[in-house]
């Protein structure tokens, strides 16, 4: 029994001899690729036609990769938008002016990022937002003034201490005179630093009682959550 596409076989062969790819013929005539492959496997192409088809094939791969990147970027954008929407929804149910909520939030941050062994309440980070959050709650909940906060920097060997001090002073709103020690990591000599990296800033306030409270608050809270299902 002949295929219903059989009447198109001569046209398919002529198109192939003109140098069209099997996929191009498929798109033009609607004949299944498997049928075309069988009809056209013995049709010889010239060297020039093979070069052209090879070039088209490589370009198709490039185009496919570009489309894939665009698709993945669009999907990532949608996921980020969804995450932002979910975050806003959660925050709408929380009173961020409640000092107890702020205390608990800071305590959990301190459990992960704060210093537990030093004789001060201190936190080091390379992210200004985290340190600004730390300073803001110290100010709002504990009355710590920015003038009472001390900062020290831990930098890579090729970083300019004066320039980085000015950056952190502006970001945190802490006077430059409150920046004390600056340490340079000699292990990084000869290795250039990314321009966006501004080292690690350690923020300290001398009130050790705050540290004790935050550490106990975070650990007791975590323990209560862990034991909820018991």
N, C-alpha and C. Protein backbone atom coordinates (compact mmCIF):
# COMPACT_ATOMS: atom_id res chain seq x y z
N UNK A 1 0.85 -1.19 0.00
CA UNK A 1 0.00 0.00 0.00
C UNK A 1 0.88 1.24 0.00
N UNK A 2 0.60 2.11 -0.95
CA UNK A 2 1.41 3.32 -1.05
C UNK A 2 1.05 4.32 0.05
N UNK A 3 2.06 5.08 0.46
CA UNK A 3 1.84 6.14 1.43
C UNK A 3 0.98 7.23 0.82
N UNK A 4 0.18 7.88 1.66
CA UNK A 4 -0.67 8.97 1.16
C UNK A 4 0.15 10.16 0.69
N UNK A 5 1.44 10.12 1.03
CA UNK A 5 2.34 11.20 0.64
C UNK A 5 3.08 10.90 -0.66
N UNK A 6 2.82 9.71 -1.22
CA UNK A 6 3.65 9.25 -2.33
C UNK A 6 3.68 10.22 -3.51
N UNK A 7 2.56 10.89 -3.77
CA UNK A 7 2.50 11.80 -4.92
C UNK A 7 3.47 12.97 -4.77
N UNK A 8 3.93 13.22 -3.53
CA UNK A 8 4.85 14.33 -3.30
C UNK A 8 6.32 13.90 -3.38
N UNK A 9 6.53 12.60 -3.63
CA UNK A 9 7.91 12.11 -3.63
C UNK A 9 8.77 12.78 -4.70
N UNK A 10 8.31 12.90 -5.95
CA UNK A 10 9.16 13.55 -6.96
C UNK A 10 9.51 15.00 -6.58
N UNK A 11 8.52 15.73 -6.05
CA UNK A 11 8.78 17.12 -5.65
C UNK A 11 9.78 17.17 -4.51
N UNK A 12 9.66 16.21 -3.59
CA UNK A 12 10.59 16.15 -2.46
C UNK A 12 12.01 15.92 -2.94
N UNK A 13 12.16 15.01 -3.90
CA UNK A 13 13.49 14.71 -4.43
C UNK A 13 14.07 15.93 -5.13
N UNK A 14 13.24 16.66 -5.88
CA UNK A 14 13.72 17.85 -6.58
C UNK A 14 14.16 18.93 -5.59
N UNK A 15 13.40 19.09 -4.54
CA UNK A 15 13.77 20.08 -3.52
C UNK A 15 15.08 19.69 -2.83
N UNK A 16 15.24 18.40 -2.60
CA UNK A 16 16.48 17.91 -1.97
C UNK A 16 17.66 18.16 -2.87
N UNK A 17 17.49 17.90 -4.18
CA UNK A 17 18.57 18.13 -5.12
C UNK A 17 18.96 19.61 -5.21
N UNK A 18 18.00 20.47 -4.88
CA UNK A 18 18.30 21.90 -4.88
C UNK A 18 19.05 22.33 -3.61
N UNK A 19 19.22 21.39 -2.69
CA UNK A 19 20.02 21.68 -1.50
C UNK A 19 19.23 21.96 -0.25
N UNK A 20 17.91 21.74 -0.27
CA UNK A 20 17.10 21.97 0.92
C UNK A 20 17.34 20.85 1.93
N UNK A 21 17.27 21.20 3.20
CA UNK A 21 17.40 20.19 4.24
C UNK A 21 16.10 19.40 4.34
N UNK A 22 16.18 18.23 4.96
CA UNK A 22 14.99 17.41 5.14
C UNK A 22 13.95 18.14 6.00
N UNK A 23 14.42 18.88 6.99
CA UNK A 23 13.49 19.63 7.84
C UNK A 23 12.80 20.74 7.06
N UNK A 24 13.54 21.40 6.17
CA UNK A 24 12.92 22.44 5.34
C UNK A 24 11.84 21.86 4.44
N UNK A 25 12.12 20.69 3.87
CA UNK A 25 11.12 20.03 3.00
C UNK A 25 9.91 19.62 3.83
N UNK A 26 10.16 19.15 5.02
CA UNK A 26 9.08 18.77 5.94
C UNK A 26 8.16 19.97 6.23
N UNK A 27 8.79 21.12 6.48
CA UNK A 27 7.99 22.31 6.77
C UNK A 27 7.21 22.78 5.55
N UNK A 28 7.81 22.62 4.35
CA UNK A 28 7.17 23.10 3.13
C UNK A 28 6.02 22.20 2.68
N UNK A 29 6.22 20.89 2.76
CA UNK A 29 5.23 19.97 2.21
C UNK A 29 4.41 19.24 3.28
N UNK A 30 4.88 19.26 4.53
CA UNK A 30 4.14 18.60 5.60
C UNK A 30 4.31 17.11 5.64
N UNK A 31 5.30 16.59 4.92
CA UNK A 31 5.54 15.15 4.89
C UNK A 31 6.34 14.75 6.13
N UNK A 32 5.99 13.65 6.79
CA UNK A 32 6.71 13.22 7.99
C UNK A 32 8.21 13.05 7.72
N UNK A 33 9.02 13.40 8.71
CA UNK A 33 10.47 13.30 8.57
C UNK A 33 10.91 11.87 8.29
N UNK A 34 10.25 10.92 8.92
CA UNK A 34 10.64 9.51 8.73
C UNK A 34 10.43 9.09 7.27
N UNK A 35 9.33 9.57 6.65
CA UNK A 35 9.06 9.26 5.25
C UNK A 35 10.10 9.91 4.34
N UNK A 36 10.41 11.17 4.62
CA UNK A 36 11.38 11.89 3.81
C UNK A 36 12.76 11.25 3.90
N UNK A 37 13.13 10.82 5.10
CA UNK A 37 14.44 10.20 5.28
C UNK A 37 14.60 8.97 4.39
N UNK A 38 13.54 8.19 4.30
CA UNK A 38 13.59 6.99 3.46
C UNK A 38 13.67 7.33 1.98
N UNK A 39 12.92 8.35 1.54
CA UNK A 39 12.91 8.74 0.14
C UNK A 39 14.23 9.36 -0.30
N UNK A 40 14.83 10.14 0.59
CA UNK A 40 15.93 11.01 0.17
C UNK A 40 17.32 10.54 0.57
N UNK A 41 17.40 9.36 1.19
CA UNK A 41 18.71 8.92 1.68
C UNK A 41 19.73 8.65 0.57
N UNK A 42 19.23 8.41 -0.63
CA UNK A 42 20.15 8.13 -1.74
C UNK A 42 20.40 9.35 -2.62
N UNK A 43 19.78 10.48 -2.29
CA UNK A 43 19.98 11.70 -3.08
C UNK A 43 21.31 12.32 -2.68
N UNK A 44 22.22 12.44 -3.61
CA UNK A 44 23.54 12.99 -3.34
C UNK A 44 23.51 14.52 -3.42
N UNK A 45 24.14 15.16 -2.46
CA UNK A 45 24.26 16.62 -2.45
C UNK A 45 25.66 17.01 -2.91
N UNK A 46 25.77 18.19 -3.50
CA UNK A 46 27.09 18.68 -3.90
C UNK A 46 27.85 19.13 -2.65
N UNK A 47 29.14 19.30 -2.80
CA UNK A 47 29.98 19.76 -1.69
C UNK A 47 29.50 21.12 -1.19
N UNK A 48 29.15 22.00 -2.14
CA UNK A 48 28.70 23.34 -1.77
C UNK A 48 27.39 23.28 -0.99
N UNK A 49 26.48 22.40 -1.44
CA UNK A 49 25.21 22.26 -0.73
C UNK A 49 25.41 21.75 0.70
N UNK A 50 26.34 20.80 0.86
CA UNK A 50 26.63 20.27 2.19
C UNK A 50 27.18 21.35 3.10
N UNK A 51 28.05 22.23 2.53
CA UNK A 51 28.62 23.33 3.32
C UNK A 51 27.51 24.27 3.78
N UNK A 52 26.59 24.59 2.86
CA UNK A 52 25.47 25.48 3.20
C UNK A 52 24.59 24.87 4.29
N UNK A 53 24.25 23.59 4.13
CA UNK A 53 23.40 22.92 5.11
C UNK A 53 24.09 22.82 6.47
N UNK A 54 25.40 22.57 6.44
CA UNK A 54 26.15 22.49 7.69
C UNK A 54 26.13 23.84 8.41
N UNK A 55 26.26 24.92 7.62
CA UNK A 55 26.22 26.26 8.20
C UNK A 55 24.86 26.56 8.81
N UNK A 56 23.79 26.17 8.11
CA UNK A 56 22.44 26.37 8.63
C UNK A 56 22.22 25.57 9.91
N UNK A 57 22.77 24.35 9.93
CA UNK A 57 22.62 23.50 11.11
C UNK A 57 23.30 24.13 12.33
N UNK A 58 24.51 24.64 12.10
CA UNK A 58 25.23 25.28 13.21
C UNK A 58 24.52 26.54 13.69
N UNK A 59 23.99 27.32 12.74
CA UNK A 59 23.26 28.52 13.12
C UNK A 59 21.98 28.18 13.88
N UNK A 60 21.36 27.07 13.47
CA UNK A 60 20.15 26.64 14.17
C UNK A 60 20.45 26.28 15.62
N UNK A 61 21.63 25.67 15.84
CA UNK A 61 22.03 25.35 17.21
C UNK A 61 22.22 26.61 18.03
N UNK A 62 22.87 27.61 17.42
CA UNK A 62 23.08 28.90 18.11
C UNK A 62 21.74 29.54 18.45
N UNK A 63 20.83 29.56 17.46
CA UNK A 63 19.51 30.16 17.68
C UNK A 63 18.75 29.42 18.78
N UNK A 64 18.89 28.09 18.78
CA UNK A 64 18.19 27.29 19.79
C UNK A 64 18.72 27.60 21.19
N UNK A 65 20.05 27.77 21.29
CA UNK A 65 20.64 28.09 22.59
C UNK A 65 20.18 29.46 23.07
N UNK A 66 20.12 30.42 22.15
CA UNK A 66 19.67 31.76 22.51
C UNK A 66 18.23 31.73 23.01
N UNK A 67 17.38 30.98 22.29
CA UNK A 67 15.98 30.86 22.69
C UNK A 67 15.87 30.19 24.06
N UNK A 68 16.73 29.19 24.30
CA UNK A 68 16.70 28.48 25.58
C UNK A 68 17.09 29.42 26.72
N UNK A 69 18.12 30.24 26.49
CA UNK A 69 18.56 31.19 27.51
C UNK A 69 17.46 32.21 27.80
N UNK A 70 16.83 32.72 26.75
CA UNK A 70 15.75 33.69 26.92
C UNK A 70 14.58 33.07 27.68
N UNK A 71 14.26 31.81 27.35
CA UNK A 71 13.18 31.12 28.04
C UNK A 71 13.49 30.93 29.51
N UNK A 72 14.72 30.48 29.80
CA UNK A 72 15.11 30.27 31.20
C UNK A 72 15.13 31.59 31.97
N UNK A 73 15.60 32.66 31.33
CA UNK A 73 15.62 33.97 31.99
C UNK A 73 14.21 34.44 32.30
N UNK A 74 13.30 34.22 31.36
CA UNK A 74 11.91 34.62 31.58
C UNK A 74 11.28 33.80 32.70
N UNK A 75 11.60 32.49 32.75
CA UNK A 75 11.07 31.64 33.82
C UNK A 75 11.63 32.07 35.17
N UNK A 76 12.92 32.42 35.18
CA UNK A 76 13.54 32.89 36.42
C UNK A 76 12.89 34.18 36.89
N UNK A 77 12.63 35.09 35.94
CA UNK A 77 11.96 36.35 36.27
C UNK A 77 10.60 36.10 36.89
N UNK A 78 9.84 35.16 36.31
CA UNK A 78 8.52 34.83 36.84
C UNK A 78 8.61 34.24 38.25
N UNK A 79 9.63 33.39 38.46
CA UNK A 79 9.80 32.78 39.79
C UNK A 79 10.16 33.84 40.84
N UNK A 80 11.01 34.80 40.43
CA UNK A 80 11.39 35.87 41.36
C UNK A 80 10.20 36.76 41.67
N UNK A 81 9.39 37.05 40.66
CA UNK A 81 8.20 37.86 40.88
C UNK A 81 7.23 37.16 41.82
N UNK A 82 7.11 35.84 41.66
CA UNK A 82 6.24 35.07 42.54
C UNK A 82 6.77 35.08 43.97
N UNK A 83 8.09 34.94 44.12
CA UNK A 83 8.70 34.96 45.45
C UNK A 83 8.50 36.32 46.12
N UNK A 84 8.64 37.39 45.35
CA UNK A 84 8.44 38.73 45.90
C UNK A 84 6.99 38.91 46.35
N UNK A 85 6.07 38.44 45.54
CA UNK A 85 4.65 38.54 45.87
C UNK A 85 4.35 37.78 47.17
N UNK A 86 4.93 36.58 47.30
CA UNK A 86 4.72 35.78 48.51
C UNK A 86 5.30 36.48 49.73
N UNK A 87 6.49 37.09 49.55
CA UNK A 87 7.13 37.79 50.66
C UNK A 87 6.29 38.98 51.12
N UNK A 88 5.77 39.74 50.16
CA UNK A 88 4.94 40.90 50.49
C UNK A 88 3.67 40.46 51.22
N UNK A 89 3.11 39.33 50.79
CA UNK A 89 1.91 38.81 51.44
C UNK A 89 2.18 38.43 52.89
N UNK A 90 3.32 37.78 53.14
CA UNK A 90 3.67 37.41 54.51
C UNK A 90 3.89 38.66 55.36
N UNK A 91 4.62 39.63 54.82
CA UNK A 91 4.92 40.84 55.57
C UNK A 91 3.68 41.65 55.89
N UNK A 92 2.67 41.54 55.04
CA UNK A 92 1.43 42.28 55.28
C UNK A 92 0.71 41.78 56.54
N UNK A 93 1.08 40.59 57.00
CA UNK A 93 0.44 40.00 58.18
C UNK A 93 1.29 40.19 59.45
N UNK A 94 2.42 40.89 59.31
CA UNK A 94 3.34 41.05 60.43
C UNK A 94 3.46 42.52 60.80
N UNK A 95 3.40 42.82 62.07
CA UNK A 95 3.58 44.19 62.55
C UNK A 95 5.07 44.43 62.80
N UNK A 96 5.74 45.06 61.83
CA UNK A 96 7.19 45.25 61.96
C UNK A 96 7.54 46.35 62.96
N UNK A 97 6.52 47.00 63.52
CA UNK A 97 6.78 48.00 64.57
C UNK A 97 6.76 47.37 65.95
N UNK A 98 6.41 46.09 66.01
CA UNK A 98 6.38 45.39 67.28
C UNK A 98 7.80 45.08 67.74
N UNK A 99 8.19 45.64 68.88
CA UNK A 99 9.58 45.50 69.35
C UNK A 99 9.94 44.05 69.63
N UNK A 100 8.96 43.25 70.04
CA UNK A 100 9.24 41.84 70.32
C UNK A 100 9.56 41.07 69.04
N UNK A 101 8.82 41.40 67.97
CA UNK A 101 9.10 40.75 66.69
C UNK A 101 10.48 41.17 66.18
N UNK A 102 10.80 42.45 66.34
CA UNK A 102 12.12 42.93 65.91
C UNK A 102 13.23 42.27 66.73
N UNK A 103 12.99 42.12 68.02
CA UNK A 103 13.98 41.47 68.88
C UNK A 103 14.20 40.02 68.46
N UNK A 104 13.11 39.31 68.22
CA UNK A 104 13.21 37.91 67.82
C UNK A 104 13.92 37.79 66.48
N UNK A 105 13.59 38.68 65.54
CA UNK A 105 14.23 38.65 64.23
C UNK A 105 15.72 38.89 64.36
N UNK A 106 16.08 39.90 65.16
CA UNK A 106 17.50 40.19 65.34
C UNK A 106 18.21 39.02 66.02
N UNK A 107 17.54 38.39 66.97
CA UNK A 107 18.19 37.29 67.69
C UNK A 107 18.50 36.12 66.75
N UNK A 108 17.59 35.85 65.82
CA UNK A 108 17.83 34.76 64.87
C UNK A 108 18.95 35.12 63.90
N UNK A 109 18.98 36.39 63.48
CA UNK A 109 20.09 36.84 62.65
C UNK A 109 21.40 36.75 63.42
N UNK A 110 21.34 37.14 64.68
CA UNK A 110 22.56 37.11 65.51
C UNK A 110 23.05 35.69 65.73
N UNK A 111 22.12 34.75 65.85
CA UNK A 111 22.50 33.36 66.03
C UNK A 111 23.34 32.87 64.87
N UNK A 112 23.01 33.36 63.66
CA UNK A 112 23.77 32.92 62.47
C UNK A 112 24.98 33.77 62.18
N UNK A 113 24.88 35.08 62.40
CA UNK A 113 25.92 35.99 61.94
C UNK A 113 26.68 36.72 63.04
N UNK A 114 26.12 36.75 64.25
CA UNK A 114 26.74 37.54 65.32
C UNK A 114 27.87 36.83 66.02
N UNK A 115 28.68 37.62 66.71
CA UNK A 115 29.79 37.07 67.50
C UNK A 115 29.28 36.65 68.87
N UNK A 116 29.57 35.40 69.28
CA UNK A 116 29.10 34.90 70.57
C UNK A 116 30.20 34.85 71.64
N UNK A 117 31.45 35.00 71.21
CA UNK A 117 32.56 34.81 72.14
C UNK A 117 33.19 36.12 72.60
N UNK A 118 33.02 37.18 71.81
CA UNK A 118 33.66 38.45 72.18
C UNK A 118 32.92 39.10 73.34
N UNK A 119 33.57 40.06 73.98
CA UNK A 119 32.96 40.75 75.12
C UNK A 119 32.12 41.92 74.69
N UNK A 120 31.49 41.83 73.54
CA UNK A 120 30.65 42.91 73.04
C UNK A 120 29.57 42.32 72.16
N UNK A 121 28.56 43.12 71.89
CA UNK A 121 27.54 42.72 70.93
C UNK A 121 28.05 43.15 69.56
N UNK A 122 28.38 42.20 68.71
CA UNK A 122 29.03 42.55 67.45
C UNK A 122 28.61 41.61 66.33
N UNK A 123 28.68 42.13 65.12
CA UNK A 123 28.32 41.34 63.95
C UNK A 123 29.16 41.79 62.77
N UNK A 124 29.71 40.83 62.03
CA UNK A 124 30.49 41.15 60.85
C UNK A 124 29.82 40.62 59.60
N UNK A 125 29.89 41.41 58.52
CA UNK A 125 29.28 40.96 57.27
C UNK A 125 29.81 41.80 56.12
N UNK A 126 29.66 41.28 54.91
CA UNK A 126 30.04 42.03 53.72
C UNK A 126 28.82 42.68 53.06
N UNK A 127 27.64 42.41 53.61
CA UNK A 127 26.40 42.94 53.06
C UNK A 127 25.94 44.13 53.91
N UNK A 128 25.96 45.34 53.35
CA UNK A 128 25.54 46.53 54.12
C UNK A 128 24.12 46.43 54.66
N UNK A 129 23.21 45.80 53.92
CA UNK A 129 21.82 45.72 54.37
C UNK A 129 21.71 44.99 55.71
N UNK A 130 22.47 43.91 55.85
CA UNK A 130 22.42 43.14 57.10
C UNK A 130 22.91 43.98 58.27
N UNK A 131 23.99 44.71 58.06
CA UNK A 131 24.54 45.53 59.14
C UNK A 131 23.65 46.73 59.43
N UNK A 132 23.03 47.30 58.41
CA UNK A 132 22.09 48.41 58.65
C UNK A 132 20.89 47.93 59.45
N UNK A 133 20.43 46.73 59.17
CA UNK A 133 19.33 46.13 59.93
C UNK A 133 19.76 45.95 61.39
N UNK A 134 20.94 45.44 61.59
CA UNK A 134 21.51 45.24 62.93
C UNK A 134 21.55 46.55 63.70
N UNK A 135 22.10 47.58 63.08
CA UNK A 135 22.24 48.89 63.72
C UNK A 135 20.87 49.51 64.01
N UNK A 136 19.94 49.38 63.06
CA UNK A 136 18.61 49.97 63.22
C UNK A 136 17.89 49.42 64.44
N UNK A 137 17.95 48.10 64.64
CA UNK A 137 17.25 47.52 65.79
C UNK A 137 17.99 47.83 67.09
N UNK A 138 19.31 47.88 67.05
CA UNK A 138 20.06 48.31 68.25
C UNK A 138 19.64 49.72 68.66
N UNK A 139 19.42 50.54 67.67
CA UNK A 139 19.00 51.93 67.94
C UNK A 139 17.56 51.98 68.45
N UNK A 140 16.65 51.30 67.73
CA UNK A 140 15.22 51.39 68.06
C UNK A 140 14.85 50.65 69.34
N UNK A 141 15.43 49.47 69.54
CA UNK A 141 15.03 48.63 70.69
C UNK A 141 15.89 48.86 71.93
N UNK A 142 17.14 49.30 71.72
CA UNK A 142 18.05 49.37 72.86
C UNK A 142 18.65 50.76 73.08
N UNK A 143 18.26 51.69 72.24
CA UNK A 143 18.73 53.07 72.43
C UNK A 143 20.19 53.28 72.14
N UNK A 144 20.81 52.37 71.39
CA UNK A 144 22.23 52.52 71.04
C UNK A 144 22.37 53.58 69.94
N UNK A 145 23.16 54.59 70.19
CA UNK A 145 23.37 55.64 69.20
C UNK A 145 24.48 55.24 68.23
N UNK A 146 24.36 55.73 67.00
CA UNK A 146 25.39 55.41 66.01
C UNK A 146 26.75 55.92 66.44
N UNK A 147 26.75 57.01 67.23
CA UNK A 147 28.03 57.56 67.71
C UNK A 147 28.72 56.61 68.68
N UNK A 148 27.95 55.68 69.26
CA UNK A 148 28.52 54.72 70.22
C UNK A 148 28.95 53.42 69.58
N UNK A 149 28.74 53.32 68.28
CA UNK A 149 29.08 52.08 67.56
C UNK A 149 30.49 52.19 66.98
N UNK A 150 31.25 51.13 67.14
CA UNK A 150 32.60 51.07 66.59
C UNK A 150 32.63 50.05 65.44
N UNK A 151 33.47 50.34 64.46
CA UNK A 151 33.58 49.45 63.30
C UNK A 151 35.04 49.11 63.02
N UNK A 152 35.27 47.91 62.60
CA UNK A 152 36.60 47.54 62.12
C UNK A 152 36.44 46.79 60.79
N UNK A 153 37.45 46.90 59.95
CA UNK A 153 37.36 46.34 58.61
C UNK A 153 38.36 45.20 58.41
N UNK A 154 37.94 44.22 57.66
CA UNK A 154 38.80 43.11 57.26
C UNK A 154 38.81 43.09 55.74
N UNK A 155 39.94 43.47 55.15
CA UNK A 155 40.02 43.69 53.72
C UNK A 155 41.02 42.76 53.05
N UNK A 156 40.89 42.70 51.73
CA UNK A 156 41.88 41.99 50.93
C UNK A 156 43.09 42.90 50.72
N UNK A 157 44.21 42.29 50.34
CA UNK A 157 45.48 43.01 50.31
C UNK A 157 45.50 44.20 49.36
N UNK A 158 44.76 44.13 48.25
CA UNK A 158 44.82 45.20 47.26
C UNK A 158 43.77 46.29 47.46
N UNK A 159 43.03 46.22 48.57
CA UNK A 159 41.99 47.23 48.80
C UNK A 159 42.54 48.44 49.56
N UNK A 160 42.00 49.61 49.23
CA UNK A 160 42.43 50.87 49.85
C UNK A 160 41.63 51.11 51.12
N UNK A 161 42.26 51.01 52.30
CA UNK A 161 41.53 51.16 53.56
C UNK A 161 40.76 52.47 53.68
N UNK A 162 41.36 53.57 53.23
CA UNK A 162 40.68 54.86 53.35
C UNK A 162 39.42 54.90 52.50
N UNK A 163 39.53 54.42 51.28
CA UNK A 163 38.38 54.39 50.38
C UNK A 163 37.27 53.50 50.91
N UNK A 164 37.63 52.33 51.45
CA UNK A 164 36.63 51.39 51.97
C UNK A 164 36.00 51.94 53.26
N UNK A 165 36.78 52.63 54.09
CA UNK A 165 36.21 53.24 55.29
C UNK A 165 35.13 54.25 54.93
N UNK A 166 35.42 55.05 53.91
CA UNK A 166 34.45 56.05 53.47
C UNK A 166 33.18 55.38 52.95
N UNK A 167 33.36 54.26 52.24
CA UNK A 167 32.20 53.53 51.72
C UNK A 167 31.31 53.04 52.86
N UNK A 168 31.91 52.35 53.84
CA UNK A 168 31.12 51.80 54.94
C UNK A 168 30.54 52.89 55.83
N UNK A 169 31.30 53.96 56.03
CA UNK A 169 30.81 55.07 56.84
C UNK A 169 29.54 55.66 56.23
N UNK A 170 29.54 55.84 54.92
CA UNK A 170 28.39 56.38 54.21
C UNK A 170 27.22 55.40 54.23
N UNK A 171 27.50 54.11 54.00
CA UNK A 171 26.45 53.10 53.96
C UNK A 171 25.76 52.94 55.31
N UNK A 172 26.56 52.92 56.38
CA UNK A 172 26.01 52.63 57.71
C UNK A 172 25.63 53.88 58.49
N UNK A 173 26.08 55.04 58.02
CA UNK A 173 25.80 56.26 58.76
C UNK A 173 26.60 56.37 60.04
N UNK A 174 27.73 55.69 60.10
CA UNK A 174 28.61 55.71 61.28
C UNK A 174 29.79 56.63 60.97
N UNK A 175 30.12 57.56 61.88
CA UNK A 175 31.23 58.49 61.62
C UNK A 175 32.55 57.76 61.35
N UNK A 176 33.34 58.30 60.44
CA UNK A 176 34.63 57.68 60.11
C UNK A 176 35.52 57.56 61.34
N UNK A 177 35.42 58.51 62.25
CA UNK A 177 36.27 58.47 63.46
C UNK A 177 35.97 57.23 64.31
N UNK A 178 34.81 56.60 64.08
CA UNK A 178 34.45 55.41 64.84
C UNK A 178 34.99 54.12 64.23
N UNK A 179 35.69 54.27 63.09
CA UNK A 179 36.33 53.10 62.47
C UNK A 179 37.72 52.95 63.08
N UNK A 180 37.93 51.81 63.69
CA UNK A 180 39.18 51.60 64.43
C UNK A 180 40.16 50.77 63.63
N UNK A 181 40.26 49.52 63.94
CA UNK A 181 41.24 48.64 63.32
C UNK A 181 40.87 48.25 61.89
N UNK A 182 41.90 48.18 61.02
CA UNK A 182 41.72 47.66 59.67
C UNK A 182 42.75 46.56 59.43
N UNK A 183 42.28 45.39 59.07
CA UNK A 183 43.17 44.25 58.83
C UNK A 183 43.20 43.94 57.34
N UNK A 184 44.41 43.70 56.82
CA UNK A 184 44.58 43.30 55.43
C UNK A 184 45.02 41.84 55.37
N UNK A 185 44.38 41.07 54.54
CA UNK A 185 44.67 39.64 54.42
C UNK A 185 45.81 39.46 53.40
N UNK A 186 47.01 39.22 53.92
CA UNK A 186 48.18 39.09 53.03
C UNK A 186 48.11 37.84 52.17
N UNK A 187 47.23 36.91 52.53
CA UNK A 187 47.09 35.69 51.72
C UNK A 187 46.50 35.99 50.34
N UNK A 188 45.90 37.17 50.21
CA UNK A 188 45.27 37.53 48.93
C UNK A 188 46.19 38.36 48.03
N UNK A 189 47.44 38.52 48.43
CA UNK A 189 48.39 39.30 47.62
C UNK A 189 48.48 38.73 46.20
N UNK A 190 48.43 39.61 45.21
CA UNK A 190 48.56 39.19 43.82
C UNK A 190 47.28 38.70 43.18
N UNK A 191 46.21 38.67 43.97
CA UNK A 191 44.92 38.24 43.42
C UNK A 191 43.96 39.42 43.46
N UNK A 192 43.58 39.93 42.29
CA UNK A 192 42.72 41.12 42.25
C UNK A 192 41.34 40.88 42.85
N UNK A 193 40.80 41.92 43.45
CA UNK A 193 39.49 41.86 44.10
C UNK A 193 38.41 42.41 43.19
N UNK A 194 37.26 41.76 43.18
CA UNK A 194 36.12 42.27 42.41
C UNK A 194 35.74 43.66 42.94
N UNK A 195 35.40 44.56 42.03
CA UNK A 195 35.12 45.95 42.40
C UNK A 195 33.93 46.07 43.35
N UNK A 196 32.97 45.13 43.26
CA UNK A 196 31.77 45.24 44.10
C UNK A 196 32.02 44.76 45.53
N UNK A 197 33.13 44.08 45.76
CA UNK A 197 33.41 43.55 47.10
C UNK A 197 34.10 44.61 47.95
N UNK A 198 33.50 44.95 49.07
CA UNK A 198 34.02 46.01 49.94
C UNK A 198 34.53 45.48 51.28
N UNK A 199 34.95 44.24 51.26
CA UNK A 199 35.49 43.67 52.48
C UNK A 199 34.40 43.32 53.48
N UNK A 200 34.84 42.94 54.69
CA UNK A 200 33.92 42.62 55.78
C UNK A 200 34.02 43.72 56.83
N UNK A 201 32.87 44.25 57.22
CA UNK A 201 32.83 45.27 58.27
C UNK A 201 32.29 44.62 59.53
N UNK A 202 33.01 44.81 60.63
CA UNK A 202 32.58 44.31 61.93
C UNK A 202 32.01 45.48 62.73
N UNK A 203 30.75 45.37 63.11
CA UNK A 203 30.06 46.42 63.86
C UNK A 203 29.96 45.98 65.32
N UNK A 204 30.35 46.87 66.23
CA UNK A 204 30.35 46.52 67.65
C UNK A 204 29.66 47.59 68.49
N UNK A 205 28.97 47.12 69.53
CA UNK A 205 28.55 48.04 70.60
C UNK A 205 28.97 47.37 71.90
N UNK A 206 29.34 48.16 72.89
CA UNK A 206 29.97 47.60 74.09
C UNK A 206 29.03 46.91 75.05
N UNK A 207 27.75 46.91 74.78
CA UNK A 207 26.78 46.35 75.73
C UNK A 207 26.69 44.83 75.58
N UNK A 208 27.41 44.12 76.42
CA UNK A 208 27.44 42.66 76.34
C UNK A 208 26.10 42.04 76.72
N UNK A 209 25.29 42.77 77.51
CA UNK A 209 23.99 42.24 77.94
C UNK A 209 23.08 41.99 76.74
N UNK A 210 23.20 42.82 75.71
CA UNK A 210 22.38 42.63 74.51
C UNK A 210 22.74 41.30 73.84
N UNK A 211 24.03 41.03 73.77
CA UNK A 211 24.48 39.77 73.16
C UNK A 211 23.91 38.57 73.90
N UNK A 212 23.99 38.61 75.23
CA UNK A 212 23.48 37.49 76.03
C UNK A 212 21.99 37.27 75.78
N UNK A 213 21.24 38.38 75.77
CA UNK A 213 19.80 38.27 75.57
C UNK A 213 19.48 37.69 74.18
N UNK A 214 20.16 38.19 73.15
CA UNK A 214 19.87 37.75 71.79
C UNK A 214 20.20 36.27 71.61
N UNK A 215 21.32 35.84 72.17
CA UNK A 215 21.72 34.43 72.03
C UNK A 215 20.72 33.52 72.74
N UNK A 216 20.33 33.88 73.97
CA UNK A 216 19.38 33.05 74.70
C UNK A 216 18.01 33.07 74.03
N UNK A 217 17.57 34.23 73.58
CA UNK A 217 16.27 34.35 72.93
C UNK A 217 16.20 33.46 71.69
N UNK A 218 17.24 33.51 70.86
CA UNK A 218 17.22 32.73 69.62
C UNK A 218 17.25 31.24 69.90
N UNK A 219 18.06 30.83 70.86
CA UNK A 219 18.19 29.39 71.13
C UNK A 219 16.92 28.84 71.80
N UNK A 220 16.34 29.60 72.72
CA UNK A 220 15.11 29.14 73.38
C UNK A 220 13.98 29.07 72.36
N UNK A 221 13.91 30.07 71.48
CA UNK A 221 12.87 30.07 70.46
C UNK A 221 13.04 28.87 69.52
N UNK A 222 14.24 28.62 69.07
CA UNK A 222 14.49 27.46 68.19
C UNK A 222 14.11 26.16 68.87
N UNK A 223 14.43 26.05 70.14
CA UNK A 223 14.12 24.83 70.89
C UNK A 223 12.60 24.64 70.99
N UNK A 224 11.89 25.74 71.23
CA UNK A 224 10.43 25.65 71.32
C UNK A 224 9.82 25.20 69.99
N UNK A 225 10.34 25.73 68.90
CA UNK A 225 9.82 25.35 67.58
C UNK A 225 10.13 23.87 67.30
N UNK A 226 11.35 23.46 67.64
CA UNK A 226 11.74 22.06 67.41
C UNK A 226 10.82 21.11 68.18
N UNK A 227 10.42 21.53 69.38
CA UNK A 227 9.62 20.65 70.25
C UNK A 227 8.11 20.79 70.04
N UNK A 228 7.70 21.60 69.08
CA UNK A 228 6.27 21.82 68.86
C UNK A 228 5.53 20.52 68.56
N UNK A 229 6.17 19.63 67.81
CA UNK A 229 5.48 18.41 67.38
C UNK A 229 5.51 17.30 68.42
N UNK A 230 6.23 17.51 69.52
CA UNK A 230 6.37 16.44 70.53
C UNK A 230 5.10 16.33 71.39
